[in-house]
């Protein structure tokens, strides 16, 4: 479980194919503090630490993870947002994030607006019913509030702190991003279907 509040921007240092997927290496300042088996959200994708070092950690990616994420497209050197798993005594400052990439979105635009920035992302048809103005949507592991939503495009007002302390500064139109919808919206949909049955 995560909050969508990015703790650090790391970098992909390697993505090595294996017989059944790949092994991802990530540079992170807290690498030596991780335990084997610990969960880390890497740009919103919950991964299990299989090796840790002073300069980062490694995690195995299944074929399913490779299909659902943009790690292969981003490649070596790409910045990634990092968040360690939520502890029971932590503040829930963002929203409830599971670290499950529901689908890839695509950056439409990202530019300055007032003192901050405005990000627009194309949401795939499979997720559009879960998105609402003023609702939460996780983009590359960042808990964001939808400022506007119309015709499959979600727009977000990004404050300077978020822009500077996440991988958003590296994103450009056409880039794929990881999307996770609010789990509460999913549960509401499930309950509604159950009531109709």
N, C-alpha and C. Protein backbone atom coordinates (compact mmCIF):
# COMPACT_ATOMS: atom_id res chain seq x y z
N UNK A 1 0.84 -1.18 0.00
CA UNK A 1 0.00 0.00 0.00
C UNK A 1 0.89 1.24 0.00
N UNK A 2 0.48 2.26 -0.79
CA UNK A 2 1.26 3.47 -0.93
C UNK A 2 0.33 4.68 -0.83
N UNK A 3 0.92 5.88 -0.86
CA UNK A 3 0.13 7.10 -0.78
C UNK A 3 0.17 7.91 -2.06
N UNK A 4 1.12 7.63 -2.94
CA UNK A 4 1.29 8.45 -4.14
C UNK A 4 2.10 9.70 -3.89
N UNK A 5 2.78 9.77 -2.74
CA UNK A 5 3.68 10.87 -2.44
C UNK A 5 5.10 10.40 -2.71
N UNK A 6 5.72 10.93 -3.73
CA UNK A 6 7.03 10.47 -4.17
C UNK A 6 8.10 10.89 -3.18
N UNK A 7 8.91 9.93 -2.76
CA UNK A 7 9.97 10.20 -1.79
C UNK A 7 11.27 10.61 -2.46
N UNK A 8 11.48 10.10 -3.66
CA UNK A 8 12.76 10.32 -4.34
C UNK A 8 12.59 10.00 -5.82
N UNK A 9 13.37 10.67 -6.65
CA UNK A 9 13.45 10.31 -8.06
C UNK A 9 14.74 9.53 -8.25
N UNK A 10 14.60 8.26 -8.64
CA UNK A 10 15.76 7.43 -8.93
C UNK A 10 15.97 7.35 -10.43
N UNK A 11 16.84 6.44 -10.85
CA UNK A 11 17.09 6.24 -12.28
C UNK A 11 17.19 4.76 -12.58
N UNK A 12 16.70 4.38 -13.74
CA UNK A 12 16.89 3.00 -14.20
C UNK A 12 18.35 2.87 -14.61
N UNK A 13 19.05 1.93 -14.00
CA UNK A 13 20.46 1.71 -14.36
C UNK A 13 20.64 0.51 -15.27
N UNK A 14 19.67 -0.39 -15.27
CA UNK A 14 19.73 -1.55 -16.17
C UNK A 14 18.36 -2.21 -16.24
N UNK A 15 18.08 -2.81 -17.38
CA UNK A 15 16.90 -3.65 -17.56
C UNK A 15 17.38 -4.87 -18.34
N UNK A 16 17.64 -5.94 -17.60
CA UNK A 16 18.25 -7.13 -18.18
C UNK A 16 17.20 -8.22 -18.41
N UNK A 17 17.05 -8.68 -19.66
CA UNK A 17 16.10 -9.76 -19.94
C UNK A 17 16.46 -11.04 -19.18
N UNK A 18 15.45 -11.76 -18.75
CA UNK A 18 15.64 -13.07 -18.13
C UNK A 18 14.79 -14.06 -18.93
N UNK A 19 14.84 -15.32 -18.56
CA UNK A 19 14.09 -16.33 -19.31
C UNK A 19 12.58 -16.12 -19.21
N UNK A 20 12.12 -15.49 -18.12
CA UNK A 20 10.68 -15.31 -17.95
C UNK A 20 10.26 -13.90 -17.68
N UNK A 21 11.07 -12.92 -18.08
CA UNK A 21 10.74 -11.52 -17.83
C UNK A 21 11.97 -10.65 -17.92
N UNK A 22 12.25 -9.91 -16.85
CA UNK A 22 13.43 -9.03 -16.83
C UNK A 22 13.78 -8.70 -15.39
N UNK A 23 15.00 -8.25 -15.18
CA UNK A 23 15.44 -7.75 -13.88
C UNK A 23 15.76 -6.27 -14.05
N UNK A 24 15.09 -5.47 -13.23
CA UNK A 24 15.24 -4.02 -13.27
C UNK A 24 16.18 -3.57 -12.17
N UNK A 25 17.16 -2.75 -12.51
CA UNK A 25 18.07 -2.16 -11.52
C UNK A 25 17.77 -0.67 -11.44
N UNK A 26 17.65 -0.17 -10.21
CA UNK A 26 17.27 1.23 -9.98
C UNK A 26 18.25 1.86 -9.01
N UNK A 27 18.75 3.04 -9.35
CA UNK A 27 19.59 3.80 -8.43
C UNK A 27 18.69 4.54 -7.45
N UNK A 28 18.98 4.39 -6.15
CA UNK A 28 18.18 5.02 -5.10
C UNK A 28 19.05 5.24 -3.89
N UNK A 29 18.90 6.38 -3.22
CA UNK A 29 19.74 6.68 -2.06
C UNK A 29 19.44 5.77 -0.89
N UNK A 30 18.23 5.20 -0.83
CA UNK A 30 17.85 4.36 0.32
C UNK A 30 18.05 2.88 0.05
N UNK A 31 18.80 2.52 -0.98
CA UNK A 31 18.97 1.12 -1.36
C UNK A 31 19.46 0.22 -0.24
N UNK A 32 20.44 0.68 0.51
CA UNK A 32 21.01 -0.15 1.56
C UNK A 32 20.07 -0.31 2.76
N UNK A 33 19.05 0.54 2.84
CA UNK A 33 18.10 0.49 3.94
C UNK A 33 16.93 -0.46 3.65
N UNK A 34 16.88 -1.00 2.44
CA UNK A 34 15.79 -1.89 2.05
C UNK A 34 16.04 -3.32 2.51
N UNK A 35 14.96 -4.02 2.77
CA UNK A 35 15.04 -5.44 3.10
C UNK A 35 14.64 -6.26 1.87
N UNK A 36 15.25 -7.41 1.70
CA UNK A 36 14.83 -8.32 0.63
C UNK A 36 13.36 -8.67 0.86
N UNK A 37 12.56 -8.57 -0.19
CA UNK A 37 11.14 -8.84 -0.08
C UNK A 37 10.29 -7.60 0.16
N UNK A 38 10.93 -6.47 0.45
CA UNK A 38 10.20 -5.22 0.68
C UNK A 38 9.60 -4.72 -0.62
N UNK A 39 8.47 -4.04 -0.52
CA UNK A 39 7.81 -3.46 -1.69
C UNK A 39 8.24 -2.01 -1.88
N UNK A 40 8.49 -1.65 -3.13
CA UNK A 40 8.80 -0.28 -3.51
C UNK A 40 7.98 0.05 -4.75
N UNK A 41 7.31 1.21 -4.74
CA UNK A 41 6.59 1.65 -5.94
C UNK A 41 7.59 2.38 -6.83
N UNK A 42 7.75 1.86 -8.04
CA UNK A 42 8.65 2.45 -9.03
C UNK A 42 7.76 3.05 -10.12
N UNK A 43 7.65 4.37 -10.10
CA UNK A 43 6.72 5.08 -10.99
C UNK A 43 5.34 4.45 -10.93
N UNK A 44 4.92 4.13 -9.71
CA UNK A 44 3.57 3.62 -9.49
C UNK A 44 3.39 2.14 -9.63
N UNK A 45 4.45 1.42 -9.95
CA UNK A 45 4.38 -0.04 -10.09
C UNK A 45 5.01 -0.69 -8.86
N UNK A 46 4.21 -1.43 -8.11
CA UNK A 46 4.71 -2.09 -6.90
C UNK A 46 5.63 -3.24 -7.29
N UNK A 47 6.90 -3.14 -6.87
CA UNK A 47 7.89 -4.17 -7.17
C UNK A 47 8.50 -4.69 -5.87
N UNK A 48 8.96 -5.92 -5.90
CA UNK A 48 9.56 -6.57 -4.74
C UNK A 48 11.08 -6.52 -4.86
N UNK A 49 11.73 -6.05 -3.83
CA UNK A 49 13.19 -5.96 -3.81
C UNK A 49 13.77 -7.38 -3.72
N UNK A 50 14.61 -7.72 -4.70
CA UNK A 50 15.27 -9.03 -4.67
C UNK A 50 16.77 -8.90 -4.36
N UNK A 51 17.27 -7.68 -4.45
CA UNK A 51 18.67 -7.41 -4.11
C UNK A 51 18.79 -5.93 -3.76
N UNK A 52 19.58 -5.62 -2.74
CA UNK A 52 19.79 -4.21 -2.40
C UNK A 52 21.28 -3.95 -2.27
N UNK A 53 21.65 -2.72 -2.59
CA UNK A 53 23.04 -2.28 -2.51
C UNK A 53 23.04 -0.86 -1.98
N UNK A 54 24.22 -0.32 -1.71
CA UNK A 54 24.32 1.06 -1.25
C UNK A 54 23.72 2.04 -2.25
N UNK A 55 23.87 1.73 -3.53
CA UNK A 55 23.46 2.68 -4.57
C UNK A 55 22.08 2.39 -5.17
N UNK A 56 21.37 1.40 -4.64
CA UNK A 56 20.05 1.12 -5.19
C UNK A 56 19.56 -0.28 -4.91
N UNK A 57 18.70 -0.78 -5.81
CA UNK A 57 18.11 -2.10 -5.62
C UNK A 57 17.75 -2.70 -6.97
N UNK A 58 17.43 -4.00 -6.91
CA UNK A 58 17.00 -4.71 -8.11
C UNK A 58 15.67 -5.41 -7.82
N UNK A 59 14.86 -5.51 -8.88
CA UNK A 59 13.55 -6.15 -8.76
C UNK A 59 13.29 -6.94 -10.03
N UNK A 60 12.59 -8.06 -9.88
CA UNK A 60 12.25 -8.89 -11.04
C UNK A 60 10.91 -8.43 -11.61
N UNK A 61 10.83 -8.38 -12.94
CA UNK A 61 9.61 -8.01 -13.64
C UNK A 61 9.07 -9.23 -14.37
N UNK A 62 7.82 -9.57 -14.10
CA UNK A 62 7.19 -10.68 -14.81
C UNK A 62 6.81 -10.22 -16.22
N UNK A 63 6.43 -11.16 -17.06
CA UNK A 63 5.98 -10.80 -18.40
C UNK A 63 4.74 -9.92 -18.33
N UNK A 64 3.87 -10.19 -17.36
CA UNK A 64 2.67 -9.37 -17.17
C UNK A 64 3.05 -7.93 -16.83
N UNK A 65 4.03 -7.76 -15.96
CA UNK A 65 4.48 -6.41 -15.60
C UNK A 65 5.07 -5.70 -16.82
N UNK A 66 5.85 -6.41 -17.61
CA UNK A 66 6.43 -5.81 -18.81
C UNK A 66 5.35 -5.40 -19.80
N UNK A 67 4.27 -6.18 -19.91
CA UNK A 67 3.17 -5.84 -20.82
C UNK A 67 2.41 -4.60 -20.36
N UNK A 68 2.29 -4.42 -19.05
CA UNK A 68 1.46 -3.33 -18.52
C UNK A 68 2.21 -2.03 -18.28
N UNK A 69 3.52 -2.04 -18.34
CA UNK A 69 4.31 -0.86 -17.98
C UNK A 69 5.11 -0.33 -19.15
N UNK A 70 5.75 0.80 -18.91
CA UNK A 70 6.57 1.45 -19.94
C UNK A 70 8.06 1.34 -19.65
N UNK A 71 8.45 0.45 -18.73
CA UNK A 71 9.86 0.36 -18.37
C UNK A 71 10.75 0.10 -19.59
N UNK A 72 10.33 -0.78 -20.47
CA UNK A 72 11.13 -1.10 -21.65
C UNK A 72 11.27 0.13 -22.55
N UNK A 73 10.20 0.88 -22.72
CA UNK A 73 10.24 2.09 -23.56
C UNK A 73 11.10 3.18 -22.93
N UNK A 74 11.03 3.30 -21.61
CA UNK A 74 11.81 4.34 -20.95
C UNK A 74 13.30 4.03 -21.01
N UNK A 75 13.69 2.81 -20.71
CA UNK A 75 15.08 2.37 -20.84
C UNK A 75 16.04 2.92 -19.81
N UNK A 76 17.31 2.55 -20.01
CA UNK A 76 18.39 2.91 -19.08
C UNK A 76 18.55 4.41 -19.00
N UNK A 77 18.72 4.89 -17.77
CA UNK A 77 18.91 6.31 -17.53
C UNK A 77 17.64 7.09 -17.27
N UNK A 78 16.49 6.47 -17.52
CA UNK A 78 15.22 7.16 -17.33
C UNK A 78 14.96 7.44 -15.85
N UNK A 79 14.45 8.63 -15.53
CA UNK A 79 14.08 8.91 -14.14
C UNK A 79 12.81 8.16 -13.78
N UNK A 80 12.74 7.69 -12.53
CA UNK A 80 11.54 7.00 -12.04
C UNK A 80 11.22 7.50 -10.64
N UNK A 81 9.93 7.60 -10.36
CA UNK A 81 9.47 8.03 -9.04
C UNK A 81 9.51 6.85 -8.08
N UNK A 82 10.01 7.08 -6.87
CA UNK A 82 10.15 6.01 -5.89
C UNK A 82 9.39 6.34 -4.61
N UNK A 83 8.69 5.34 -4.11
CA UNK A 83 8.01 5.45 -2.82
C UNK A 83 8.08 4.11 -2.12
N UNK A 84 8.52 4.13 -0.88
CA UNK A 84 8.51 2.91 -0.07
C UNK A 84 7.10 2.66 0.44
N UNK A 85 6.82 1.43 0.80
CA UNK A 85 5.48 1.06 1.25
C UNK A 85 5.08 1.82 2.50
N UNK A 86 3.80 2.08 2.60
CA UNK A 86 3.21 2.80 3.72
C UNK A 86 3.29 1.95 4.99
N UNK A 87 3.69 2.57 6.10
CA UNK A 87 3.65 1.91 7.40
C UNK A 87 2.37 2.31 8.11
N UNK A 88 1.89 1.49 8.99
CA UNK A 88 0.61 1.73 9.66
C UNK A 88 0.58 3.07 10.39
N UNK A 89 1.72 3.52 10.92
CA UNK A 89 1.74 4.76 11.69
C UNK A 89 1.97 6.00 10.83
N UNK A 90 2.14 5.85 9.50
CA UNK A 90 2.39 6.99 8.62
C UNK A 90 1.12 7.78 8.34
N UNK A 91 1.31 9.05 7.98
CA UNK A 91 0.19 9.87 7.54
C UNK A 91 -0.19 9.49 6.12
N UNK A 92 -1.48 9.45 5.84
CA UNK A 92 -1.95 9.17 4.49
C UNK A 92 -2.18 10.51 3.81
N UNK A 93 -1.09 11.09 3.30
CA UNK A 93 -1.16 12.44 2.74
C UNK A 93 -1.64 12.50 1.31
N UNK A 94 -1.55 11.41 0.57
CA UNK A 94 -2.02 11.40 -0.81
C UNK A 94 -3.37 10.73 -0.86
N UNK A 95 -3.45 9.59 -1.54
CA UNK A 95 -4.65 8.76 -1.48
C UNK A 95 -4.20 7.31 -1.47
N UNK A 96 -5.14 6.39 -1.34
CA UNK A 96 -4.77 4.97 -1.26
C UNK A 96 -4.33 4.49 -2.64
N UNK A 97 -3.06 4.10 -2.71
CA UNK A 97 -2.47 3.64 -3.97
C UNK A 97 -1.97 2.21 -3.75
N UNK A 98 -2.36 1.31 -4.64
CA UNK A 98 -1.96 -0.08 -4.50
C UNK A 98 -0.65 -0.42 -5.21
N UNK A 99 -0.24 0.40 -6.13
CA UNK A 99 0.96 0.10 -6.90
C UNK A 99 0.69 -0.86 -8.04
N UNK A 100 -0.57 -0.88 -8.49
CA UNK A 100 -0.97 -1.71 -9.64
C UNK A 100 -1.16 -0.80 -10.84
N UNK A 101 -0.41 -1.02 -11.89
CA UNK A 101 -0.57 -0.21 -13.09
C UNK A 101 -1.79 -0.74 -13.84
N UNK A 102 -2.84 0.07 -13.88
CA UNK A 102 -4.07 -0.37 -14.54
C UNK A 102 -3.94 -0.29 -16.06
N UNK A 103 -3.23 0.72 -16.54
CA UNK A 103 -3.05 0.89 -17.98
C UNK A 103 -2.03 2.00 -18.21
N UNK A 104 -1.62 2.12 -19.46
CA UNK A 104 -0.75 3.22 -19.84
C UNK A 104 -1.59 4.36 -20.37
N UNK A 105 -1.25 5.58 -19.94
CA UNK A 105 -1.82 6.78 -20.52
C UNK A 105 -0.75 7.41 -21.38
N UNK A 106 -1.09 8.52 -22.02
CA UNK A 106 -0.10 9.20 -22.85
C UNK A 106 -0.15 10.70 -22.56
N UNK A 107 1.02 11.29 -22.37
CA UNK A 107 1.10 12.73 -22.13
C UNK A 107 0.68 13.46 -23.40
N UNK A 108 -0.31 14.33 -23.26
CA UNK A 108 -0.74 15.17 -24.38
C UNK A 108 0.01 16.49 -24.35
N UNK A 109 0.08 17.07 -23.16
CA UNK A 109 0.80 18.34 -23.03
C UNK A 109 1.27 18.52 -21.60
N UNK A 110 2.31 19.33 -21.45
CA UNK A 110 2.84 19.70 -20.15
C UNK A 110 3.52 21.04 -20.32
N UNK A 111 2.95 22.06 -19.68
CA UNK A 111 3.51 23.40 -19.84
C UNK A 111 3.25 24.25 -18.63
N UNK A 112 3.91 25.40 -18.60
CA UNK A 112 3.76 26.32 -17.48
C UNK A 112 2.36 26.92 -17.46
N UNK A 113 1.85 27.10 -16.25
CA UNK A 113 0.56 27.76 -16.06
C UNK A 113 0.64 28.50 -14.73
N UNK A 114 0.62 29.82 -14.78
CA UNK A 114 0.79 30.62 -13.56
C UNK A 114 2.14 30.30 -12.94
N UNK A 115 2.14 30.06 -11.62
CA UNK A 115 3.39 29.71 -10.92
C UNK A 115 3.73 28.23 -11.07
N UNK A 116 2.80 27.44 -11.59
CA UNK A 116 3.00 26.00 -11.69
C UNK A 116 2.95 25.50 -13.11
N UNK A 117 2.37 24.34 -13.27
CA UNK A 117 2.34 23.66 -14.57
C UNK A 117 0.97 23.02 -14.77
N UNK A 118 0.65 22.71 -16.02
CA UNK A 118 -0.58 21.99 -16.33
C UNK A 118 -0.20 20.77 -17.17
N UNK A 119 -0.64 19.62 -16.69
CA UNK A 119 -0.37 18.35 -17.35
C UNK A 119 -1.69 17.80 -17.88
N UNK A 120 -1.69 17.38 -19.14
CA UNK A 120 -2.85 16.72 -19.73
C UNK A 120 -2.44 15.33 -20.19
N UNK A 121 -3.26 14.34 -19.82
CA UNK A 121 -2.97 12.94 -20.12
C UNK A 121 -4.18 12.29 -20.77
N UNK A 122 -3.95 11.56 -21.85
CA UNK A 122 -5.01 10.78 -22.49
C UNK A 122 -5.22 9.51 -21.67
N UNK A 123 -6.46 9.29 -21.26
CA UNK A 123 -6.83 8.13 -20.47
C UNK A 123 -7.44 7.09 -21.41
N UNK A 124 -6.96 5.84 -21.39
CA UNK A 124 -7.51 4.83 -22.30
C UNK A 124 -8.97 4.53 -21.99
N UNK A 125 -9.75 4.10 -22.98
CA UNK A 125 -11.18 3.84 -22.78
C UNK A 125 -11.48 2.91 -21.60
N UNK A 126 -10.62 1.94 -21.32
CA UNK A 126 -10.89 0.97 -20.25
C UNK A 126 -10.93 1.61 -18.86
N UNK A 127 -10.36 2.79 -18.69
CA UNK A 127 -10.30 3.43 -17.37
C UNK A 127 -11.17 4.68 -17.25
N UNK A 128 -11.74 5.13 -18.35
CA UNK A 128 -12.42 6.43 -18.34
C UNK A 128 -13.57 6.51 -17.35
N UNK A 129 -14.27 5.42 -17.10
CA UNK A 129 -15.41 5.47 -16.18
C UNK A 129 -14.99 5.69 -14.73
N UNK A 130 -13.71 5.53 -14.43
CA UNK A 130 -13.22 5.71 -13.06
C UNK A 130 -12.69 7.11 -12.79
N UNK A 131 -12.67 7.96 -13.80
CA UNK A 131 -12.05 9.28 -13.66
C UNK A 131 -13.15 10.34 -13.53
N UNK A 132 -12.98 11.25 -12.58
CA UNK A 132 -13.95 12.31 -12.35
C UNK A 132 -13.21 13.58 -11.92
N UNK A 133 -13.75 14.74 -12.31
CA UNK A 133 -13.14 16.00 -11.84
C UNK A 133 -13.08 16.02 -10.31
N UNK A 134 -11.97 16.48 -9.79
CA UNK A 134 -11.66 16.56 -8.37
C UNK A 134 -11.43 15.19 -7.73
N UNK A 135 -11.45 14.14 -8.53
CA UNK A 135 -11.11 12.81 -8.04
C UNK A 135 -9.61 12.59 -8.10
N UNK A 136 -9.18 11.44 -7.62
CA UNK A 136 -7.76 11.11 -7.61
C UNK A 136 -7.40 10.18 -8.75
N UNK A 137 -6.24 10.40 -9.33
CA UNK A 137 -5.67 9.51 -10.34
C UNK A 137 -4.17 9.49 -10.10
N UNK A 138 -3.60 8.30 -10.13
CA UNK A 138 -2.17 8.16 -9.93
C UNK A 138 -1.49 8.13 -11.30
N UNK A 139 -0.53 9.03 -11.50
CA UNK A 139 0.23 9.13 -12.74
C UNK A 139 1.69 8.89 -12.41
N UNK A 140 2.25 7.79 -12.91
CA UNK A 140 3.65 7.43 -12.60
C UNK A 140 3.90 7.40 -11.10
N UNK A 141 2.89 6.94 -10.35
CA UNK A 141 3.04 6.82 -8.91
C UNK A 141 2.80 8.09 -8.14
N UNK A 142 2.40 9.17 -8.81
CA UNK A 142 2.15 10.45 -8.16
C UNK A 142 0.65 10.60 -7.91
N UNK A 143 0.27 10.84 -6.68
CA UNK A 143 -1.13 11.09 -6.35
C UNK A 143 -1.51 12.47 -6.86
N UNK A 144 -2.39 12.52 -7.86
CA UNK A 144 -2.80 13.80 -8.44
C UNK A 144 -4.31 13.95 -8.39
N UNK A 145 -4.75 15.19 -8.30
CA UNK A 145 -6.17 15.51 -8.33
C UNK A 145 -6.53 15.96 -9.74
N UNK A 146 -7.59 15.39 -10.28
CA UNK A 146 -8.04 15.73 -11.64
C UNK A 146 -8.68 17.12 -11.58
N UNK A 147 -8.08 18.08 -12.28
CA UNK A 147 -8.62 19.45 -12.31
C UNK A 147 -9.76 19.54 -13.31
N UNK A 148 -9.58 18.94 -14.47
CA UNK A 148 -10.60 18.91 -15.52
C UNK A 148 -10.58 17.55 -16.18
N UNK A 149 -11.74 17.13 -16.66
CA UNK A 149 -11.81 15.86 -17.36
C UNK A 149 -12.88 15.93 -18.44
N UNK A 150 -12.49 15.68 -19.68
CA UNK A 150 -13.44 15.71 -20.79
C UNK A 150 -12.90 14.87 -21.93
N UNK A 151 -13.77 14.07 -22.52
CA UNK A 151 -13.46 13.31 -23.73
C UNK A 151 -12.17 12.50 -23.61
N UNK A 152 -12.01 11.85 -22.45
CA UNK A 152 -10.87 10.97 -22.26
C UNK A 152 -9.56 11.66 -21.94
N UNK A 153 -9.60 12.95 -21.67
CA UNK A 153 -8.39 13.68 -21.31
C UNK A 153 -8.51 14.21 -19.88
N UNK A 154 -7.56 13.83 -19.04
CA UNK A 154 -7.50 14.30 -17.66
C UNK A 154 -6.43 15.39 -17.58
N UNK A 155 -6.79 16.52 -16.97
CA UNK A 155 -5.85 17.62 -16.80
C UNK A 155 -5.58 17.82 -15.32
N UNK A 156 -4.35 18.16 -15.00
CA UNK A 156 -3.91 18.30 -13.62
C UNK A 156 -3.15 19.62 -13.45
N UNK A 157 -3.40 20.31 -12.34
CA UNK A 157 -2.61 21.48 -11.95
C UNK A 157 -1.45 20.97 -11.11
N UNK A 158 -0.25 21.23 -11.56
CA UNK A 158 0.95 20.71 -10.90
C UNK A 158 1.68 21.86 -10.21
N UNK A 159 1.88 21.74 -8.90
CA UNK A 159 2.62 22.78 -8.19
C UNK A 159 4.12 22.62 -8.47
N UNK A 160 4.90 23.70 -8.32
CA UNK A 160 6.34 23.61 -8.61
C UNK A 160 7.06 22.51 -7.83
N UNK A 161 6.69 22.30 -6.56
CA UNK A 161 7.35 21.25 -5.77
C UNK A 161 7.17 19.88 -6.41
N UNK A 162 5.95 19.56 -6.81
CA UNK A 162 5.68 18.26 -7.44
C UNK A 162 6.43 18.14 -8.75
N UNK A 163 6.45 19.20 -9.55
CA UNK A 163 7.15 19.17 -10.83
C UNK A 163 8.64 18.90 -10.63
N UNK A 164 9.24 19.58 -9.66
CA UNK A 164 10.69 19.47 -9.44
C UNK A 164 11.12 18.20 -8.73
N UNK A 165 10.22 17.60 -7.93
CA UNK A 165 10.60 16.47 -7.09
C UNK A 165 10.01 15.14 -7.54
N UNK A 166 9.57 15.09 -8.79
CA UNK A 166 9.10 13.85 -9.41
C UNK A 166 9.71 13.77 -10.81
N UNK A 167 9.33 12.76 -11.57
CA UNK A 167 9.88 12.63 -12.92
C UNK A 167 9.13 13.47 -13.96
N UNK A 168 8.18 14.31 -13.52
CA UNK A 168 7.39 15.09 -14.48
C UNK A 168 8.25 16.01 -15.32
N UNK A 169 9.32 16.56 -14.76
CA UNK A 169 10.19 17.45 -15.53
C UNK A 169 10.79 16.77 -16.76
N UNK A 170 10.85 15.43 -16.73
CA UNK A 170 11.45 14.68 -17.84
C UNK A 170 10.41 14.22 -18.87
N UNK A 171 9.13 14.40 -18.58
CA UNK A 171 8.08 13.90 -19.48
C UNK A 171 7.77 14.91 -20.57
N UNK A 172 7.43 14.40 -21.75
CA UNK A 172 7.09 15.26 -22.88
C UNK A 172 5.91 14.66 -23.63
N UNK A 173 5.23 15.45 -24.46
CA UNK A 173 4.09 14.92 -25.22
C UNK A 173 4.46 13.64 -25.98
N UNK A 174 3.56 12.67 -25.89
CA UNK A 174 3.78 11.37 -26.54
C UNK A 174 4.34 10.31 -25.62
N UNK A 175 4.88 10.72 -24.46
CA UNK A 175 5.42 9.75 -23.51
C UNK A 175 4.30 8.92 -22.88
N UNK A 176 4.56 7.63 -22.70
CA UNK A 176 3.65 6.78 -21.95
C UNK A 176 3.87 7.00 -20.46
N UNK A 177 2.77 6.95 -19.70
CA UNK A 177 2.84 7.06 -18.24
C UNK A 177 1.96 5.97 -17.64
N UNK A 178 2.34 5.53 -16.44
CA UNK A 178 1.57 4.52 -15.71
C UNK A 178 0.37 5.18 -15.04
N UNK A 179 -0.80 4.58 -15.20
CA UNK A 179 -2.01 5.08 -14.56
C UNK A 179 -2.57 4.04 -13.61
N UNK A 180 -3.00 4.51 -12.44
CA UNK A 180 -3.76 3.68 -11.50
C UNK A 180 -4.95 4.48 -11.04
N UNK A 181 -6.13 3.91 -11.22
CA UNK A 181 -7.35 4.61 -10.79
C UNK A 181 -7.57 4.39 -9.30
N UNK A 182 -8.42 5.22 -8.75
CA UNK A 182 -8.73 5.16 -7.32
C UNK A 182 -9.43 3.84 -7.01
N UNK A 183 -8.88 3.07 -6.08
CA UNK A 183 -9.44 1.76 -5.73
C UNK A 183 -10.85 1.90 -5.16
N UNK A 184 -11.16 3.02 -4.53
CA UNK A 184 -12.50 3.22 -3.99
C UNK A 184 -13.52 3.25 -5.12
N UNK A 185 -13.17 3.87 -6.25
CA UNK A 185 -14.08 3.88 -7.41
C UNK A 185 -14.32 2.46 -7.90
N UNK A 186 -13.30 1.64 -7.87
CA UNK A 186 -13.47 0.25 -8.31
C UNK A 186 -14.42 -0.51 -7.37
N UNK A 187 -14.24 -0.31 -6.06
CA UNK A 187 -15.12 -0.98 -5.10
C UNK A 187 -16.57 -0.52 -5.24
N UNK A 188 -16.76 0.78 -5.46
CA UNK A 188 -18.11 1.29 -5.65
C UNK A 188 -18.77 0.66 -6.87
N UNK A 189 -18.01 0.53 -7.94
CA UNK A 189 -18.54 -0.11 -9.13
C UNK A 189 -18.92 -1.56 -8.85
N UNK A 190 -18.07 -2.27 -8.12
CA UNK A 190 -18.31 -3.67 -7.79
C UNK A 190 -19.56 -3.81 -6.91
N UNK A 191 -19.72 -2.93 -5.93
CA UNK A 191 -20.89 -2.96 -5.06
C UNK A 191 -22.16 -2.66 -5.86
N UNK A 192 -22.08 -1.71 -6.77
CA UNK A 192 -23.23 -1.35 -7.59
C UNK A 192 -23.66 -2.53 -8.46
N UNK A 193 -22.69 -3.24 -9.03
CA UNK A 193 -23.01 -4.42 -9.86
C UNK A 193 -23.65 -5.50 -9.00
N UNK A 194 -23.12 -5.68 -7.78
CA UNK A 194 -23.67 -6.71 -6.88
C UNK A 194 -25.12 -6.40 -6.51
N UNK A 195 -25.41 -5.13 -6.28
CA UNK A 195 -26.78 -4.74 -5.94
C UNK A 195 -27.75 -4.95 -7.09
N UNK A 196 -27.25 -4.80 -8.32
CA UNK A 196 -28.10 -4.98 -9.49
C UNK A 196 -28.37 -6.44 -9.79
N UNK A 197 -27.49 -7.32 -9.32
CA UNK A 197 -27.62 -8.75 -9.62
C UNK A 197 -28.73 -9.41 -8.82
